[in-house]
Protein backbone atom coordinates (compact mmCIF):
# COMPACT_ATOMS: atom_id res chain seq x y z
CA MET A 1 79.25 154.43 121.21
CA ARG A 2 76.43 152.43 121.79
CA ALA A 3 76.18 148.99 123.86
CA ASP A 4 73.96 146.21 124.04
CA THR A 5 73.14 142.92 125.34
CA VAL A 6 71.71 141.02 122.08
CA ASP A 7 71.28 136.84 121.43
CA LEU A 8 72.47 135.23 118.35
CA ARG A 9 69.39 136.05 116.41
CA ARG A 10 69.87 139.65 116.39
CA ILE A 11 73.64 139.03 115.29
CA PHE A 12 73.12 136.57 112.44
CA GLY A 13 69.35 136.21 111.96
CA ARG A 14 69.59 139.17 109.91
CA ASP A 15 71.03 139.63 106.54
CA VAL A 16 74.31 141.36 107.21
CA ARG A 17 78.03 141.24 106.30
CA TYR A 18 80.63 141.48 109.19
CA THR A 19 83.75 141.92 107.67
CA VAL A 20 87.03 141.71 109.23
CA PRO A 21 89.72 144.43 108.12
CA LEU A 22 92.85 143.27 106.54
CA PHE A 23 95.09 145.03 109.33
CA GLN A 24 93.85 142.16 112.02
CA ARG A 25 95.83 139.06 112.86
CA PRO A 26 94.77 135.78 111.16
CA TYR A 27 92.50 133.30 112.99
CA VAL A 28 94.60 131.98 115.97
CA TRP A 29 91.75 130.17 118.35
CA ASN A 30 92.81 126.55 119.22
CA GLN A 31 91.39 123.63 120.66
CA ASP A 32 92.97 123.56 124.04
CA ASP A 33 92.53 127.37 124.73
CA ASN A 34 89.55 128.47 123.10
CA TRP A 35 87.40 125.79 121.55
CA SER A 36 86.83 123.43 124.11
CA ALA A 37 85.78 126.17 126.41
CA LEU A 38 83.07 127.57 123.88
CA TRP A 39 81.51 124.14 123.40
CA GLU A 40 81.42 123.54 127.20
CA ASP A 41 79.59 126.96 127.31
CA ILE A 42 77.35 125.94 124.72
CA ARG A 43 76.67 122.45 125.86
CA ARG A 44 75.99 123.31 129.32
CA THR A 45 73.52 126.16 128.34
CA ALA A 46 71.84 123.31 125.91
CA GLU A 47 71.58 121.16 128.82
CA ARG A 48 69.82 123.46 131.22
CA ALA A 49 67.35 124.62 128.69
CA GLU A 50 66.45 120.55 128.07
CA GLN A 51 66.41 120.48 131.78
CA ALA A 52 63.92 123.18 132.21
CA ALA A 53 61.84 122.43 129.12
CA PRO A 54 59.36 120.04 130.94
CA THR A 55 58.77 122.40 133.81
CA GLY A 56 58.90 125.79 131.44
CA GLU A 57 61.43 127.41 133.80
CA THR A 58 63.10 130.37 132.40
CA VAL A 59 66.73 129.51 131.54
CA ALA A 60 69.36 132.46 132.46
CA PRO A 61 71.50 133.18 129.22
CA HIS A 62 75.04 132.65 129.13
CA PHE A 63 77.29 135.48 127.99
CA LEU A 64 80.08 134.48 125.50
CA GLY A 65 81.81 137.96 125.58
CA ALA A 66 81.77 141.39 123.50
CA VAL A 67 82.60 142.25 120.13
CA VAL A 68 82.90 145.67 118.52
CA PHE A 69 81.56 147.00 115.21
CA ASP A 70 81.93 150.04 112.95
CA GLU A 71 79.80 150.73 110.38
CA THR A 72 80.60 150.95 107.04
CA PRO A 73 79.26 151.93 103.34
CA TYR A 74 77.55 149.46 101.60
CA LEU A 75 79.41 147.55 99.00
CA SER A 76 77.87 146.45 95.86
CA SER A 77 74.82 145.02 97.75
CA SER A 78 71.89 146.07 99.43
CA LEU A 79 73.34 144.19 102.52
CA GLU A 80 74.12 146.06 105.67
CA THR A 81 77.86 145.74 106.49
CA ARG A 82 79.68 146.03 109.78
CA GLN A 83 83.65 145.98 110.13
CA VAL A 84 84.73 144.16 112.97
CA ILE A 85 87.20 146.10 115.36
CA ASP A 86 87.19 143.26 117.89
CA GLY A 87 86.39 140.13 118.80
CA GLN A 88 86.66 138.92 115.20
CA GLN A 89 88.13 135.56 116.68
CA ARG A 90 84.98 134.64 118.79
CA LEU A 91 82.61 135.65 115.81
CA THR A 92 84.38 133.64 113.53
CA THR A 93 84.25 130.25 115.58
CA LEU A 94 80.27 130.86 116.47
CA GLN A 95 80.27 130.45 112.55
CA PHE A 96 82.31 127.45 112.58
CA PHE A 97 80.14 126.05 115.68
CA LEU A 98 77.18 127.10 113.37
CA PHE A 99 78.42 125.33 110.27
CA ALA A 100 79.28 121.96 112.47
CA ALA A 101 75.79 121.94 113.71
CA ARG A 102 74.53 121.95 110.28
CA LEU A 103 76.23 119.55 109.06
CA VAL A 104 75.34 116.98 111.91
CA ALA A 105 71.79 118.10 111.46
CA ALA A 106 71.67 117.62 107.65
CA THR A 107 73.32 113.75 108.63
CA LEU A 108 70.37 113.46 111.15
CA ASN A 109 67.82 114.71 108.39
CA HIS A 110 66.56 116.86 110.51
CA GLU A 111 65.68 119.68 107.97
CA ARG A 112 64.30 122.19 110.31
CA SER A 113 67.19 122.58 112.04
CA VAL A 114 69.15 122.66 108.82
CA ARG A 115 66.88 125.49 107.58
CA LEU A 116 67.30 127.49 111.02
CA LEU A 117 71.11 127.25 110.84
CA SER A 118 71.35 128.30 107.39
CA LYS A 119 69.76 131.61 108.37
CA PHE A 120 72.57 131.92 110.85
CA LEU A 121 75.29 131.32 108.15
CA GLU A 122 74.06 132.69 104.66
CA ASN A 123 72.80 135.93 103.24
CA ASP A 124 69.63 136.00 100.94
CA GLU A 125 70.98 135.54 97.49
CA ASP A 126 68.23 138.16 96.47
CA LEU A 127 70.23 140.93 97.95
CA PHE A 128 73.58 140.69 96.07
CA ASP A 129 74.57 139.42 92.74
CA ARG A 130 75.66 136.12 93.54
CA ALA A 131 77.93 135.70 89.96
CA GLN A 132 79.85 139.15 90.92
CA HIS A 133 79.96 138.60 94.68
CA PRO A 134 79.87 135.26 95.76
CA ASP A 135 81.60 135.73 99.08
CA HIS A 136 78.71 138.23 100.12
CA LEU A 137 76.86 134.78 100.91
CA TYR A 138 78.67 134.34 104.34
CA LYS A 139 77.43 136.37 107.19
CA VAL A 140 80.94 136.90 108.20
CA TRP A 141 83.96 137.55 106.36
CA PRO A 142 87.68 136.94 108.09
CA THR A 143 90.79 138.99 107.16
CA ASN A 144 92.68 138.66 104.00
CA ALA A 145 95.11 135.78 105.23
CA ASP A 146 92.15 133.68 105.95
CA ARG A 147 89.61 134.22 103.29
CA ASN A 148 90.99 131.20 100.73
CA GLU A 149 90.53 128.62 103.50
CA PHE A 150 87.16 130.09 104.87
CA ARG A 151 85.83 129.95 101.33
CA ALA A 152 86.60 126.25 101.36
CA VAL A 153 85.49 125.22 104.66
CA MET A 154 82.11 126.96 103.99
CA LEU A 155 81.99 124.89 100.90
CA GLY A 156 82.35 122.04 102.49
CA GLN A 157 86.02 120.96 101.12
CA LYS A 158 87.79 119.11 103.56
CA GLY A 159 91.62 120.40 104.39
CA GLY A 160 94.01 120.53 106.98
CA GLY A 161 94.22 124.08 108.06
CA ARG A 162 93.14 125.58 111.50
CA LEU A 163 89.67 126.54 110.30
CA ALA A 164 88.99 122.88 109.19
CA GLU A 165 90.20 121.60 112.24
CA ALA A 166 87.72 123.80 114.10
CA VAL A 167 84.55 122.32 112.02
CA ALA A 168 85.84 119.12 112.42
CA TYR A 169 86.14 119.46 116.24
CA PHE A 170 83.03 121.00 116.83
CA GLU A 171 81.47 118.26 114.42
CA ARG A 172 82.92 115.57 116.34
CA GLU A 173 82.07 117.04 119.92
CA ILE A 174 78.14 117.59 118.76
CA ASP A 175 77.85 114.29 117.20
CA ALA A 176 79.12 112.46 120.51
CA TRP A 177 77.09 114.80 122.70
CA LEU A 178 74.01 113.98 120.80
CA ALA A 179 74.60 109.99 120.97
CA GLU A 180 74.23 110.21 124.33
CA ALA A 181 70.68 111.34 124.39
CA ALA A 182 67.61 108.65 123.34
CA GLU A 183 66.19 110.86 121.10
CA PRO A 184 69.17 112.68 119.50
CA GLN A 185 67.09 114.76 117.12
CA GLU A 186 64.98 116.37 120.11
CA ARG A 187 68.55 117.10 121.53
CA LEU A 188 69.72 118.78 118.25
CA ALA A 189 66.65 120.89 118.38
CA MET A 190 67.19 121.93 121.96
CA LEU A 191 70.54 122.77 120.81
CA VAL A 192 69.43 125.11 118.27
CA HIS A 193 67.05 126.69 120.04
CA ALA A 194 69.73 127.29 122.78
CA LEU A 195 71.76 128.95 120.05
CA ARG A 196 69.24 131.07 118.80
CA GLU A 197 67.50 132.53 122.29
CA GLN A 198 70.30 131.53 125.21
CA LEU A 199 73.38 132.88 123.99
CA ARG A 200 74.29 136.49 124.36
CA LEU A 201 77.08 138.67 123.40
CA VAL A 202 77.42 142.34 124.36
CA ILE A 203 77.44 144.28 120.88
CA ILE A 204 79.29 147.91 121.06
CA ASP A 205 78.30 149.81 117.92
CA LEU A 206 80.91 153.06 117.56
CA GLU A 207 79.31 156.06 116.41
CA GLU A 208 80.50 158.53 113.95
CA HIS A 209 82.95 160.52 116.21
CA ASP A 210 84.59 157.39 117.87
CA ASP A 211 87.78 156.53 116.53
CA ALA A 212 87.79 152.89 116.02
CA GLN A 213 92.02 152.99 116.43
CA VAL A 214 91.62 154.42 119.99
CA VAL A 215 89.24 151.65 120.74
CA PHE A 216 90.93 148.85 119.26
CA GLU A 217 94.42 149.84 121.24
CA THR A 218 92.43 150.32 124.08
CA LEU A 219 90.74 146.98 124.00
CA ASN A 220 93.85 145.01 122.82
CA SER A 221 97.17 146.68 124.13
CA ARG A 222 96.23 145.62 128.06
CA GLY A 223 96.75 142.48 129.28
CA THR A 224 95.38 140.22 126.00
CA PRO A 225 97.29 137.61 123.97
CA LEU A 226 97.17 140.32 121.24
CA GLU A 227 100.83 140.71 119.98
CA HIS A 228 102.51 144.03 119.52
CA ALA A 229 102.66 143.24 115.71
CA ASP A 230 98.88 143.29 115.16
CA LEU A 231 98.52 146.28 116.94
CA ILE A 232 101.39 147.60 114.54
CA LYS A 233 99.82 146.12 111.45
CA ASN A 234 96.41 148.27 112.76
CA LEU A 235 98.36 151.20 113.04
CA LEU A 236 99.77 151.04 110.06
CA PHE A 237 96.85 150.48 107.89
CA ARG A 238 94.68 152.79 109.75
CA ASP A 239 97.05 155.35 108.66
CA ALA A 240 96.80 154.29 105.27
CA GLU A 241 93.31 154.35 105.27
CA ARG A 242 93.24 157.73 106.40
CA ALA A 243 95.61 159.03 103.56
CA GLY A 244 93.15 157.27 100.99
CA ALA A 245 95.68 154.36 100.27
CA ASP A 246 94.80 151.08 98.34
CA VAL A 247 95.03 149.04 101.53
CA ASP A 248 94.52 145.85 99.62
CA ARG A 249 97.60 146.55 97.49
CA LEU A 250 99.50 147.36 100.53
CA TYR A 251 98.76 144.32 102.36
CA LYS A 252 99.51 141.88 99.48
CA THR A 253 102.65 143.65 98.57
CA TYR A 254 104.11 144.28 101.97
CA TRP A 255 102.22 142.77 104.98
CA ALA A 256 100.74 139.15 103.49
CA PRO A 257 104.05 137.29 104.45
CA PHE A 258 104.08 138.43 107.63
CA ASP A 259 100.51 136.69 108.40
CA GLN A 260 102.34 133.42 107.69
CA ASP A 261 102.86 130.74 110.36
CA GLU A 262 106.60 131.28 109.92
CA TRP A 263 106.46 134.76 111.35
CA ARG A 264 104.08 133.63 113.90
CA VAL A 265 106.35 130.88 115.98
CA GLU A 266 107.00 131.48 119.30
CA GLN A 267 110.66 132.35 120.27
CA THR A 268 112.28 132.95 123.48
CA THR A 269 114.60 135.60 123.58
CA GLY A 270 116.09 136.13 127.75
CA ARG A 271 113.35 135.23 129.76
CA ILE A 272 110.34 136.43 127.32
CA THR A 273 108.66 134.08 124.79
CA ARG A 274 107.41 136.43 121.69
CA SER A 275 106.55 135.67 117.99
CA ARG A 276 109.13 135.75 115.59
CA LEU A 277 107.64 138.81 114.35
CA ASP A 278 107.39 140.70 117.59
CA VAL A 279 111.47 139.70 117.86
CA PHE A 280 112.34 141.15 114.35
CA LEU A 281 110.28 144.26 115.11
CA THR A 282 112.16 144.87 118.02
CA TYR A 283 115.46 144.29 116.49
CA TRP A 284 114.25 146.76 113.48
CA LEU A 285 113.01 149.49 115.70
CA THR A 286 116.23 149.42 118.01
CA MET A 287 118.20 149.65 114.98
CA ARG A 288 115.93 152.57 113.73
CA THR A 289 115.84 154.48 116.51
CA ARG A 290 118.86 153.35 118.77
CA ARG A 291 116.73 153.81 121.76
CA GLU A 292 116.47 151.15 124.80
CA PHE A 293 112.92 149.95 125.33
CA THR A 294 111.36 146.92 126.81
CA ALA A 295 109.80 144.35 125.03
CA SER A 296 106.20 145.35 126.50
CA ALA A 297 106.55 148.67 125.15
CA LEU A 298 107.17 147.85 121.54
CA PHE A 299 104.05 149.01 120.19
CA LYS A 300 104.19 152.49 122.18
CA GLU A 301 107.95 153.05 121.03
CA PHE A 302 106.79 152.11 117.27
CA GLU A 303 104.04 154.48 117.50
CA ARG A 304 106.15 157.29 118.65
CA TRP A 305 108.72 156.72 116.01
CA LEU A 306 106.12 156.57 113.23
CA HIS A 307 104.78 159.90 114.42
CA SER A 308 108.16 161.28 114.76
CA ALA A 309 109.61 160.01 111.61
CA SER A 310 106.85 161.44 109.21
CA LEU A 311 107.30 158.97 106.44
CA PRO A 312 104.78 157.96 103.99
CA THR A 313 103.13 154.89 105.15
CA GLU A 314 104.11 153.15 101.99
CA ASP A 315 107.74 154.01 102.69
CA VAL A 316 107.50 152.22 106.23
CA PHE A 317 105.69 149.17 104.86
CA ALA A 318 108.43 148.86 102.38
CA GLU A 319 111.39 149.24 104.77
CA LEU A 320 109.80 146.55 107.05
CA ARG A 321 109.35 144.23 104.28
CA ARG A 322 113.37 144.72 102.94
CA TYR A 323 114.44 144.17 106.39
CA ALA A 324 112.22 141.38 107.20
CA LYS A 325 113.78 139.84 103.74
CA ILE A 326 117.04 140.65 105.25
CA TYR A 327 116.54 139.20 108.74
CA ASP A 328 115.10 135.77 106.84
CA LEU A 329 118.63 135.50 105.28
CA ILE A 330 120.84 135.85 108.46
CA ASP A 331 118.69 133.27 110.25
CA ASP A 332 118.88 130.93 106.94
CA HIS A 333 122.76 132.12 106.13
CA PRO A 334 124.68 128.78 105.25
CA LEU A 335 126.85 127.81 107.95
CA GLN A 336 129.95 128.23 105.89
CA GLY A 337 132.38 131.09 105.79
CA VAL A 338 133.22 133.60 108.31
CA GLU A 339 129.79 135.25 108.55
CA GLY A 340 127.82 131.67 108.70
CA ARG A 341 130.14 130.39 111.54
CA PHE A 342 129.65 133.72 113.21
CA LEU A 343 125.97 133.35 112.76
CA TYR A 344 125.90 129.85 114.51
CA ARG A 345 128.37 130.65 117.17
CA MET A 346 125.84 133.33 117.98
CA LYS A 347 122.80 131.14 118.31
CA VAL A 348 124.81 128.48 120.18
CA LEU A 349 125.68 131.22 122.64
CA GLN A 350 121.92 132.44 122.84
CA THR A 351 123.15 136.13 121.92
CA SER A 352 120.79 138.22 120.06
CA THR A 353 121.84 141.74 120.87
CA PRO A 354 124.11 142.08 118.22
CA MET A 355 121.09 141.49 115.69
CA PRO A 356 120.11 145.54 115.42
CA LEU A 357 123.79 145.88 114.17
CA LEU A 358 123.67 143.18 111.88
CA LEU A 359 120.48 144.42 110.40
CA PHE A 360 122.09 147.49 109.76
CA LEU A 361 125.63 146.06 108.07
CA TYR A 362 123.32 143.54 106.10
CA GLY A 363 120.84 146.23 104.89
CA LEU A 364 124.14 148.41 103.50
CA ASP A 365 124.06 148.08 99.69
CA LYS A 366 127.28 146.31 98.25
CA SER A 367 128.25 149.49 96.48
CA VAL A 368 128.29 151.45 99.81
CA LEU A 369 129.77 148.51 102.40
CA SER A 370 131.72 146.22 100.20
CA PRO A 371 131.47 142.15 101.10
CA PRO A 372 135.16 141.94 102.81
CA ARG A 373 134.40 145.01 104.72
CA ARG A 374 131.40 143.77 106.05
CA GLN A 375 133.19 140.11 106.44
CA ARG A 376 135.91 142.02 108.86
CA ALA A 377 133.32 143.69 110.85
CA VAL A 378 131.64 140.17 111.54
CA LYS A 379 134.85 138.92 112.90
CA ALA A 380 135.57 142.14 115.10
CA ILE A 381 132.33 141.18 116.76
CA ASP A 382 132.63 137.40 116.94
CA SER A 383 136.13 138.30 118.62
CA PHE A 384 134.56 140.40 121.02
CA LEU A 385 131.90 138.07 121.94
CA VAL A 386 134.01 134.97 122.04
CA ARG A 387 136.78 136.90 124.04
CA ARG A 388 134.16 137.74 126.57
CA ALA A 389 132.53 134.27 126.56
CA VAL A 390 135.62 132.53 127.04
CA LEU A 391 136.81 134.71 129.86
CA ASN A 392 133.24 134.31 131.33
CA LEU A 393 132.46 138.17 131.45
CA SER A 394 129.25 139.94 131.77
CA THR A 395 127.02 140.42 129.00
CA ARG A 396 124.78 142.95 130.70
CA ASP A 397 125.81 146.03 129.01
CA TYR A 398 125.42 144.32 125.63
CA ASN A 399 122.13 146.02 124.50
CA ASN A 400 123.90 149.33 125.05
CA ILE A 401 127.18 148.33 123.26
CA PHE A 402 125.52 147.33 120.10
CA ARG A 403 123.18 150.26 119.91
CA GLU A 404 126.28 152.36 120.14
CA LEU A 405 127.82 150.54 117.45
CA VAL A 406 124.99 150.92 115.08
CA ALA A 407 125.36 154.94 115.71
CA ALA A 408 129.22 154.40 115.09
CA VAL A 409 128.52 152.47 111.92
CA ALA A 410 126.04 154.46 110.63
CA ARG A 411 128.60 157.61 110.75
CA HIS A 412 130.56 155.82 108.47
CA PRO A 413 128.68 153.37 106.84
CA ASP A 414 131.36 153.04 103.52
CA HIS A 415 133.71 151.97 106.31
CA ALA A 416 131.72 150.17 108.68
CA ASP A 417 134.41 147.63 109.66
CA GLU A 418 136.72 150.39 110.79
CA ALA A 419 133.91 152.05 112.61
CA VAL A 420 133.07 148.94 114.49
CA ILE A 421 136.76 148.12 115.26
CA GLU A 422 137.64 151.49 116.68
CA ALA A 423 134.45 151.47 118.97
CA LEU A 424 135.00 148.05 120.12
CA SER A 425 138.51 148.82 120.99
CA ALA A 426 137.44 152.11 122.74
CA MET A 427 135.01 150.02 125.30
CA GLN A 428 136.34 150.36 128.97
CA GLY A 429 135.40 148.45 132.10
CA HIS A 430 134.75 145.15 133.22
CA HIS A 431 131.29 144.85 131.46
CA ARG A 432 132.81 146.24 128.18
CA HIS A 433 136.15 145.80 127.37
CA TRP A 434 137.38 143.70 124.59
CA PRO A 435 140.07 141.06 125.91
CA SER A 436 143.43 141.35 125.19
CA ASP A 437 145.77 138.80 123.48
CA SER A 438 147.31 138.06 126.47
CA ASP A 439 144.26 138.06 128.68
CA PHE A 440 142.68 135.67 126.12
CA ARG A 441 145.88 133.41 125.85
CA MET A 442 146.06 132.96 129.87
CA SER A 443 142.40 132.38 130.22
CA LEU A 444 143.05 129.28 126.94
CA GLU A 445 146.04 128.06 128.84
CA GLN A 446 145.35 128.20 132.26
CA ASP A 447 141.83 128.29 133.33
CA PRO A 448 139.43 125.12 133.96
CA LEU A 449 137.27 126.20 131.12
CA TYR A 450 135.31 123.07 131.24
CA SER A 451 134.03 123.53 134.78
CA ARG A 452 133.91 127.34 134.40
CA LEU A 453 132.03 127.93 131.41
CA VAL A 454 128.61 126.56 130.33
CA ARG A 455 129.11 123.77 127.81
CA ARG A 456 127.90 125.56 124.93
CA SER A 457 130.63 127.83 125.16
CA VAL A 458 133.22 125.18 125.41
CA ARG A 459 131.66 123.18 122.60
CA ILE A 460 132.24 126.22 119.73
CA LEU A 461 135.52 126.81 120.79
CA LEU A 462 136.72 123.24 120.24
CA GLU A 463 134.44 123.22 116.89
CA ALA A 464 136.09 126.16 115.81
CA LEU A 465 139.55 124.71 116.13
CA GLU A 466 138.63 121.42 114.60
CA ASP A 467 137.41 123.62 111.75
CA GLU A 468 140.96 125.94 111.61
CA LEU A 469 142.86 122.83 111.85
CA ARG A 470 141.36 121.34 108.35
CA THR A 471 142.94 122.34 105.06
CA ASP A 472 142.14 122.43 101.18
CA HIS A 473 143.51 118.39 101.43
CA THR A 474 141.60 117.37 104.18
CA GLU A 475 138.79 115.21 103.38
CA GLN A 476 135.34 117.01 103.81
CA LEU A 477 133.82 114.65 105.90
CA THR A 478 131.16 115.69 108.57
CA VAL A 479 132.54 118.86 109.83
CA PRO A 480 131.24 119.65 113.49
CA ILE A 481 129.82 122.95 112.46
CA GLY A 482 126.00 123.32 112.53
CA GLU A 483 123.51 122.64 115.30
CA GLN A 484 122.72 119.46 114.35
CA VAL A 485 125.85 118.11 113.56
CA GLY A 486 127.19 119.84 116.78
CA ALA A 487 124.68 118.50 118.75
CA LYS A 488 125.88 114.62 118.10
CA LEU A 489 129.31 115.76 119.32
CA THR A 490 130.21 115.55 122.90
CA ILE A 491 133.27 117.30 125.11
CA GLU A 492 135.88 114.48 126.18
CA HIS A 493 138.06 114.84 128.76
CA VAL A 494 141.15 112.78 127.61
CA MET A 495 142.64 112.55 131.09
CA PRO A 496 139.51 111.77 132.81
CA GLN A 497 137.67 113.86 135.56
CA SER A 498 137.83 110.82 137.71
CA TRP A 499 141.46 110.36 136.88
CA ARG A 500 142.71 108.45 139.92
CA ASP A 501 141.13 105.40 138.90
CA ASN A 502 143.81 104.76 136.14
CA TRP A 503 145.97 107.31 135.77
CA PRO A 504 148.28 107.57 138.90
CA PRO A 505 150.49 110.86 139.57
CA TYR A 506 154.15 110.47 138.75
CA GLU A 507 156.12 108.85 141.67
CA ASN A 508 158.09 112.13 142.62
CA ASP A 509 155.01 114.67 142.67
CA MET A 510 154.95 115.67 146.24
CA SER A 511 151.52 117.18 145.74
CA GLU A 512 150.27 113.90 144.70
CA GLY A 513 148.37 115.20 141.48
CA ALA A 514 146.22 117.76 143.45
CA ASP A 515 146.89 120.33 140.46
CA ARG A 516 145.22 117.79 138.06
CA ASP A 517 141.70 118.24 139.19
CA GLU A 518 141.68 121.97 137.39
CA LEU A 519 144.28 120.85 134.88
CA VAL A 520 141.90 118.09 133.42
CA HIS A 521 139.11 121.21 132.84
CA THR A 522 141.58 122.99 130.61
CA LEU A 523 141.57 123.64 126.69
CA GLY A 524 144.66 121.43 126.53
CA ASN A 525 142.87 118.34 127.54
CA LEU A 526 139.51 118.41 126.00
CA THR A 527 138.55 116.96 122.53
CA LEU A 528 135.16 116.22 120.99
CA VAL A 529 133.66 112.92 120.43
CA THR A 530 130.59 111.44 119.34
CA ALA A 531 127.81 111.12 122.03
CA ARG A 532 128.18 107.24 121.56
CA LEU A 533 132.06 106.77 121.90
CA ASN A 534 132.06 109.29 124.89
CA PRO A 535 130.51 106.75 127.72
CA THR A 536 132.57 104.11 126.31
CA LEU A 537 135.95 106.10 126.67
CA GLY A 538 134.81 107.04 130.32
CA ASN A 539 137.66 106.18 132.61
CA MET A 540 140.00 104.00 130.82
CA ALA A 541 143.78 103.96 130.81
CA TRP A 542 145.64 106.21 128.15
CA GLU A 543 146.33 103.26 126.10
CA ASN A 544 143.10 102.03 125.84
CA LYS A 545 141.68 105.28 124.93
CA ARG A 546 144.58 106.06 122.62
CA GLN A 547 143.50 102.87 120.52
CA TRP A 548 139.85 103.88 121.02
CA LEU A 549 140.29 107.46 119.35
CA GLY A 550 142.42 106.49 116.82
CA ARG A 551 140.14 103.69 115.69
CA HIS A 552 137.14 105.87 115.69
CA SER A 553 137.82 109.72 115.51
CA LEU A 554 137.99 111.59 112.53
CA LEU A 555 138.54 114.75 114.00
CA ARG A 556 141.99 116.99 113.31
CA LEU A 557 141.63 118.27 116.63
CA THR A 558 142.07 114.39 117.92
CA HIS A 559 144.43 113.28 115.43
CA GLY A 560 146.74 116.35 114.85
CA THR A 561 147.09 117.82 118.40
CA LEU A 562 146.51 114.67 120.47
CA LEU A 563 147.32 111.14 118.79
CA SER A 564 149.93 112.96 117.14
CA ALA A 565 152.24 115.72 118.58
CA PRO A 566 150.97 119.49 117.76
CA PRO A 567 153.44 121.79 115.06
CA ASN A 568 156.65 122.89 116.26
CA THR A 569 156.71 120.31 119.56
CA ASP A 570 160.10 118.76 120.00
CA ILE A 571 158.39 115.54 122.27
CA SER A 572 159.24 112.69 119.98
CA ASP A 573 157.31 110.13 121.82
CA TRP A 574 154.37 112.25 121.94
CA ALA A 575 151.51 109.46 122.09
CA THR A 576 153.39 106.86 124.41
CA THR A 577 151.70 108.75 127.43
CA TRP A 578 149.25 111.34 128.32
CA ASP A 579 150.39 113.90 131.02
CA GLU A 580 150.57 117.27 132.58
CA HIS A 581 153.31 118.46 129.95
CA ARG A 582 151.54 117.22 127.32
CA ILE A 583 148.04 119.20 128.42
CA ARG A 584 149.94 122.21 128.79
CA ARG A 585 152.08 122.07 125.40
CA ARG A 586 148.65 121.35 123.38
CA GLY A 587 146.76 124.13 125.27
CA THR A 588 149.32 126.51 124.37
CA TYR A 589 149.40 125.57 120.58
CA LEU A 590 145.38 125.48 120.58
CA ALA A 591 145.47 128.96 122.50
CA SER A 592 147.80 130.14 119.53
CA LEU A 593 145.12 128.84 116.64
CA SER A 594 142.45 130.69 118.73
CA LEU A 595 144.31 133.96 118.77
CA GLY A 596 143.91 133.48 115.19
CA ILE A 597 140.43 132.74 114.53
CA TRP A 598 139.27 135.46 116.79
CA PRO A 599 142.05 138.22 116.45
CA HIS A 600 142.23 141.32 118.17
CA ALA A 601 142.06 145.14 116.68
CA GLU A 602 145.68 145.48 115.35
CA ASP A 603 145.65 142.09 113.43
CA LEU A 604 142.09 142.79 111.95
CA ARG A 605 143.24 146.11 110.89
CA ALA A 606 146.55 144.35 109.20
CA ASP A 607 144.40 141.54 107.49
CA PRO A 608 143.98 142.89 103.82
CA LEU A 609 140.64 142.73 102.56
CA SER A 610 139.90 140.14 99.88
CA ALA A 611 137.02 138.61 98.24
CA GLU A 612 136.31 136.31 100.90
CA GLN A 613 138.14 136.58 104.46
CA GLY A 614 139.28 133.26 106.19
CA LYS A 615 138.14 129.94 104.75
């Protein structure tokens, strides 16, 4: 390769097209991280030139970074063409700055500056057919995802996208800076002079034997903001180009949706923040390879798999697009039904490790795995996760567990439910076992869940119990299922944590209520109330609390098991008081319900398959 240091005249002053390949990421620079820093560099350079002008001093050039070009054949014109291998964000932003400067120059009627800046923005129309190739007018032509907005911006059309924001930002800053000068037109001329002569870039031109793919990876896979998804995109489209495929068709058919904002939103998994696309690709590749790898190794692991799989590139594109749609369906699944409630609880528990398994299950055609069998597999996973969460067991080995489950299901895809139940039942050890009915019941009845578990684990338990208590005859009001609704409900201690204020122990209680400090945190003493009602209830005595709950609560969890006796309870004056005996009886009943919501292996196997499992 050849490297040279040049000013903007060498880059934009000639008739040339710098095309950004479709496999590169869309424009992502922004004001806080990029535009303001670039403007600061340009402003200082122009001011140094301004100060040196009276004395004729030489102004040291300012380096803006590097760009890498790869020569490509001329297409439908006499224009020299270069493909931008690296530096497209910087190159595109400079075009926005030049365009904004020309807008300001036109406002000031400074015709010379308008002409000079136009030469940096537009090619000579005699060198191409404007009717057939109108976009050859522009010196820089961005990647597919940005082309419509780029064209609109360069035609002076207002818009709300990131590209239009860049132009608007630079226009405001240049305007304000010129307004500070006694002679704005003279300062504008100095800015144009600095743009032409004082700003430099390092240009790296690849030669015939240079591998653009290797150069791209070397520059962008180590310590830069470029995402793994962008490297994977580059790898796939380079392979497609080498195979002579129609890369424009591949992009429009398969990859274009991945360049939309919804896939570039940042998500946090564990302690790592990545784009949603990187997260999806990690789940998909884990499902595909069943190998363990770190987030930082995603691209290299994908590259290894791609070379070993020996699949046609289009097949890889098609598979990624298919599973991306499945991932969207899982993400946006309605919150009702067995699967919806499980997926909601998974989000609340902040557990993402089952996702490779879920992609595999939902990726199986209905003719292979029937929906009822898939629902039974989901119930088993839900039971495994919730039981372990209630017992406060470690999640440390979940990555390995769910990779093993993918392998188990792959061996028997038409009986995936049985494969999941069998594999989970065989798990041994503290980090892996599926808690038994007796262990689950004992924890629900006796453990101080509120003080021992994170709040979200207690809340999903109470929400699920409320949902289980509802019947076809229950009014369908605002059920406490769903992230938005659930956030409005808080956990209420019926006997308060500070119970000594208004809840004296029994006179014959030799321990003077010492066991209450743990008992108040058990399941039998907990319910859900609105965030507004919770502080009102506070530490008030039972008689007052009972009246407030009766007047304002609509939950079956409160009315059916707290303000009135649970089924099969022989205490006739249940609501007259609230004490240790009632807490334990209610806890026993709610524990029995929980065992039905999250059954173990034998109960799952005994449950007949139906069109829709559960409610």
